[in-house]
Amino acid sequence: MMIWIIATLIAFYIKGLCGFANTLVFTSILAFGTTNINISPVELILGYPTNLILTWKNRNKLNKAIFIPLSILVLIGSIIGAVLLKKVNPGYIKIVFGIIVVLIGTEILLREFNKLQLKESKIFLGVIGVLSGVLCGLFGVGALLAAYIGRVSNNSEEFKANISAVFIVENSFRIILYIVLGIFTLSGIKQAIILFPFMLIGLFLGIKSSKILNEKTVKILVIVLLIISGVMMVVNNI
């Protein structure tokens, strides 16, 4: 249980600080000893209220032109991802997850240093939305959304508001899918309830820290650690 507590504190501290990457951190820490089908439902229960909190806190920065079309595309992809989570071998999922972490981390890292500039377009928006939905259905991962919304948001408050709003829509739909597919278990729900106080502690510490820490420096450190975790996950499961 201690590793779950540590993962929860770190993941939701990052959520409060940056507005995303909680699922990547949470899953990266736990995936070496636990299958994703046991991790994702717990993280979903813990993550849902954090998105409500961040969206409400930054509600004045919501942009319908950003979060509504992305929400629709993410819902389409979530159906595909949730079914794959139920059917695909956990070892294969970990390999794919590791590769995805490396690719996403590299893209975001390059963009942080202004080494990669992708032109926004409706086609790009569509691809990002559907792929993000698949990743959300598999792992609850919204880092692809972060890669896009980060380019069209003017500040961190607008970024957190819109990405959290998309997560609320996706989380709501994925809860229904997980219930229908039998992915939720009583033991997983109990574990989430135990971890709930640690989620709140991590989240509010992250929110407070975002006001005093250099957010870009922390984000770069998190991305580098995620890339390393992704590489190790692929190597350990080949």
Foldseek 3Di string as FASTA:
>chain_A
DVLQLVLLLQLQLLCLQQVFCSLLSSCLSCVVPDFLLLRQVLCLVQCQVLLVVLLVVLVVLEDCVQQVVLLVLLLQLLVQQQVCLLPPDRLVLLLVSLVVLQVLLVLVLCVLVPNDDDDDDPVLSNVLSNVQSNCCNNRNHNSSSLSVLVVVGDDSSNSNNRSSSSSNSSSVSSVVVCVVSVSDDPVSVVVSVVSNVSNVVSNVNSNVVNVPDDSSVVVNVSSVVSNVSSVVSNVVSD
